[in-house]
Protein backbone atom coordinates (compact mmCIF):
# COMPACT_ATOMS: atom_id res chain seq x y z
CA UNK A 1 29.65 -46.06 21.28
CA UNK A 2 31.54 -43.29 19.36
CA UNK A 3 30.20 -42.11 16.09
CA UNK A 4 33.52 -41.61 14.82
CA UNK A 5 33.69 -44.51 12.41
CA UNK A 6 29.89 -43.72 11.00
CA UNK A 7 31.08 -40.06 10.85
CA UNK A 8 34.41 -40.66 9.11
CA UNK A 9 32.62 -42.95 6.47
CA UNK A 10 29.96 -40.06 5.53
CA UNK A 11 32.54 -37.47 5.38
CA UNK A 12 34.60 -39.56 2.69
CA UNK A 13 31.35 -40.12 0.51
CA UNK A 14 30.38 -36.77 0.88
CA UNK A 15 33.83 -35.22 0.36
CA UNK A 16 33.90 -37.56 -3.07
CA UNK A 17 30.56 -36.24 -4.06
CA UNK A 18 31.54 -32.54 -3.24
CA UNK A 19 34.75 -33.13 -5.43
CA UNK A 20 32.98 -34.43 -8.43
CA UNK A 21 31.43 -31.16 -9.01
CA UNK A 22 32.96 -29.36 -11.86
CA UNK A 23 34.64 -25.94 -11.21
CA UNK A 24 32.22 -24.17 -13.29
CA UNK A 25 29.22 -25.53 -11.23
CA UNK A 26 30.96 -24.81 -7.78
CA UNK A 27 31.72 -21.07 -9.47
CA UNK A 28 27.69 -20.93 -10.13
CA UNK A 29 26.08 -22.40 -6.90
CA UNK A 30 28.69 -20.34 -4.87
CA UNK A 31 27.27 -16.93 -6.88
CA UNK A 32 23.88 -17.84 -5.99
CA UNK A 33 25.18 -18.40 -2.16
CA UNK A 34 26.81 -15.20 -2.30
CA UNK A 35 23.59 -13.39 -3.62
CA UNK A 36 21.26 -14.95 -1.26
CA UNK A 37 24.04 -14.11 1.68
CA UNK A 38 23.75 -10.59 0.49
CA UNK A 39 20.10 -10.37 0.69
CA UNK A 40 20.12 -11.62 4.56
CA UNK A 41 19.59 -9.17 7.29
CA UNK A 42 21.83 -11.24 9.65
CA UNK A 43 25.01 -10.65 7.16
CA UNK A 44 23.62 -6.92 6.43
CA UNK A 45 23.79 -6.43 10.35
CA UNK A 46 26.89 -7.68 11.05
CA UNK A 47 29.80 -5.70 11.68
CA UNK A 48 32.75 -8.46 12.57
CA UNK A 49 32.23 -11.23 10.34
CA UNK A 50 34.42 -14.57 10.36
CA UNK A 51 34.86 -16.66 7.15
CA UNK A 52 37.39 -19.05 5.68
CA UNK A 53 39.58 -19.11 2.63
CA UNK A 54 38.26 -22.04 0.48
CA UNK A 55 40.29 -25.07 -0.09
CA UNK A 56 39.41 -27.97 -2.73
CA UNK A 57 36.03 -27.92 -3.38
CA UNK A 58 34.60 -25.92 -0.84
CA UNK A 59 31.91 -23.09 -1.44
CA UNK A 60 34.05 -20.31 -2.88
CA UNK A 61 34.19 -17.37 -0.61
CA UNK A 62 36.48 -14.83 -2.23
CA UNK A 63 34.06 -12.88 -3.70
CA UNK A 64 32.25 -12.64 -0.41
CA UNK A 65 35.30 -11.77 1.69
CA UNK A 66 36.12 -9.05 -1.04
CA UNK A 67 32.36 -7.52 -0.69
CA UNK A 68 32.95 -7.82 3.12
CA UNK A 69 36.21 -5.52 2.83
CA UNK A 70 34.92 -3.39 0.57
CA UNK A 71 31.73 -2.72 2.74
CA UNK A 72 33.38 -1.52 5.15
CA UNK A 73 32.56 -4.15 7.58
CA UNK A 74 35.65 -6.22 9.61
CA UNK A 75 36.74 -9.53 7.98
CA UNK A 76 38.29 -12.26 10.34
CA UNK A 77 39.60 -15.56 9.16
CA UNK A 78 40.84 -18.55 11.14
CA UNK A 79 44.29 -19.48 12.18
CA UNK A 80 45.31 -22.85 13.94
CA UNK A 81 47.29 -22.13 16.96
CA UNK A 82 48.35 -25.54 18.74
CA UNK A 83 45.53 -27.57 19.54
CA UNK A 84 42.91 -24.50 18.88
CA UNK A 85 41.68 -22.11 16.52
CA UNK A 86 41.34 -18.32 16.62
CA UNK A 87 40.17 -15.70 14.19
CA UNK A 88 42.57 -12.71 12.99
CA UNK A 89 41.51 -9.47 11.40
CA UNK A 90 42.48 -9.09 7.68
CA UNK A 91 42.25 -6.05 5.57
CA UNK A 92 43.54 -7.38 2.34
CA UNK A 93 44.25 -10.83 0.75
CA UNK A 94 48.18 -9.95 1.14
CA UNK A 95 47.49 -10.26 4.85
CA UNK A 96 47.45 -14.16 4.19
CA UNK A 97 49.95 -16.90 4.12
CA UNK A 98 49.75 -20.51 3.55
CA UNK A 99 49.13 -22.04 7.12
CA UNK A 100 48.44 -25.66 8.67
CA UNK A 101 46.64 -28.06 6.34
CA UNK A 102 47.78 -25.94 3.36
CA UNK A 103 45.04 -23.37 4.24
CA UNK A 104 45.50 -19.65 3.60
CA UNK A 105 45.25 -18.26 6.94
CA UNK A 106 46.40 -14.81 8.62
CA UNK A 107 49.60 -14.08 9.02
CA UNK A 108 50.94 -13.91 12.53
CA UNK A 109 50.97 -10.29 12.93
CA UNK A 110 47.20 -9.83 12.08
CA UNK A 111 45.13 -8.72 15.17
CA UNK A 112 43.14 -11.56 17.22
CA UNK A 113 39.59 -10.93 17.94
CA UNK A 114 37.27 -13.53 18.89
CA UNK A 115 34.23 -11.77 19.56
CA UNK A 116 32.60 -11.89 16.08
CA UNK A 117 29.09 -11.00 15.21
CA UNK A 118 28.66 -13.83 12.62
CA UNK A 119 31.03 -16.58 11.19
CA UNK A 120 30.26 -18.54 7.78
CA UNK A 121 31.58 -22.00 8.35
CA UNK A 122 32.90 -24.47 6.01
CA UNK A 123 30.89 -27.57 5.82
CA UNK A 124 31.33 -31.02 4.41
CA UNK A 125 27.99 -32.19 5.20
CA UNK A 126 24.82 -31.33 7.27
CA UNK A 127 21.61 -32.40 8.51
CA UNK A 128 18.41 -30.39 8.28
CA UNK A 129 18.72 -30.11 11.91
CA UNK A 130 21.93 -28.31 11.92
CA UNK A 131 24.68 -31.03 13.02
CA UNK A 132 27.55 -29.96 10.92
CA UNK A 133 30.20 -32.39 9.73
CA UNK A 134 33.24 -30.94 8.97
CA UNK A 135 37.06 -32.46 8.27
CA UNK A 136 37.13 -34.18 11.77
CA UNK A 137 39.71 -32.27 13.65
CA UNK A 138 37.25 -30.20 15.95
CA UNK A 139 38.40 -26.80 15.43
CA UNK A 140 35.30 -25.15 14.76
CA UNK A 141 33.31 -27.10 17.59
CA UNK A 142 35.79 -26.27 20.13
CA UNK A 143 35.91 -22.40 18.97
CA UNK A 144 32.11 -22.16 18.79
CA UNK A 145 31.70 -23.97 22.51
CA UNK A 146 34.25 -21.22 23.75
CA UNK A 147 32.98 -18.00 21.70
CA UNK A 148 29.07 -18.82 20.94
CA UNK A 149 27.73 -16.65 18.01
CA UNK A 150 25.53 -16.80 14.91
CA UNK A 151 26.70 -19.48 12.11
CA UNK A 152 25.82 -19.69 8.63
CA UNK A 153 26.87 -23.24 7.24
CA UNK A 154 28.12 -22.46 3.66
CA UNK A 155 27.17 -25.71 1.85
CA UNK A 156 26.15 -27.10 -1.59
CA UNK A 157 22.58 -28.34 -1.49
CA UNK A 158 23.67 -32.38 -2.52
CA UNK A 159 25.81 -32.16 0.66
CA UNK A 160 22.54 -31.83 3.05
CA UNK A 161 21.86 -35.29 4.16
CA UNK A 162 18.99 -36.49 6.76
CA UNK A 163 20.96 -37.89 9.54
CA UNK A 164 24.44 -36.67 10.91
CA UNK A 165 25.34 -38.88 14.30
CA UNK A 166 25.62 -36.03 17.05
CA UNK A 167 28.63 -36.08 19.35
CA UNK A 168 28.41 -34.30 22.56
CA UNK A 169 30.97 -31.72 21.62
CA UNK A 170 29.18 -30.90 18.31
CA UNK A 171 27.66 -27.53 17.92
CA UNK A 172 24.67 -27.00 15.95
CA UNK A 173 24.58 -24.13 13.05
CA UNK A 174 22.00 -21.60 13.38
CA UNK A 175 21.44 -21.11 9.50
CA UNK A 176 21.93 -23.47 6.33
CA UNK A 177 22.72 -21.76 3.13
CA UNK A 178 23.02 -23.39 -0.29
CA UNK A 179 22.61 -22.39 -3.85
CA UNK A 180 18.71 -23.38 -3.34
CA UNK A 181 17.90 -21.85 0.10
CA UNK A 182 18.50 -20.08 3.30
CA UNK A 183 17.16 -21.80 6.21
CA UNK A 184 17.48 -21.19 10.25
CA UNK A 185 17.65 -23.81 12.48
CA UNK A 186 15.03 -24.77 14.68
């Protein structure tokens, strides 16, 4: 039996929960997440970091991206290409344009590099054992199955739930980072 109906229902509930968060609370939680990330050795050691430009009520990553750029590390953002996704290097926010799903993504002339040290992954919901629920398009799962790397799921504490049904193609996250915790999976 396919888990898609259960996942679709969970996704709807979790997005409603997240969307009910005030912008002020999102900003406070995002700042706490950024502070915890900054202190982590994996982030500190990574030279090539994949991130995402936030949409809607996602964890705000603009300050994280700015820190990556100003610290001399390389910053990569995803770009949807056909049925897949690739990461492209950006040197500042002027390298971005509105792309698929109205998400800011790197322009076509930004260099592609899918060999990253760390990827900060947008997350709708996650279980304690690292099963991530995204938006249902499978771009991150497909990418990570072809390009294994360390992953940190950025999420608000209230989006962590007991169980998310796991499909064969789901890639388990390595870390969960919320405003309250930074925990390694497994």
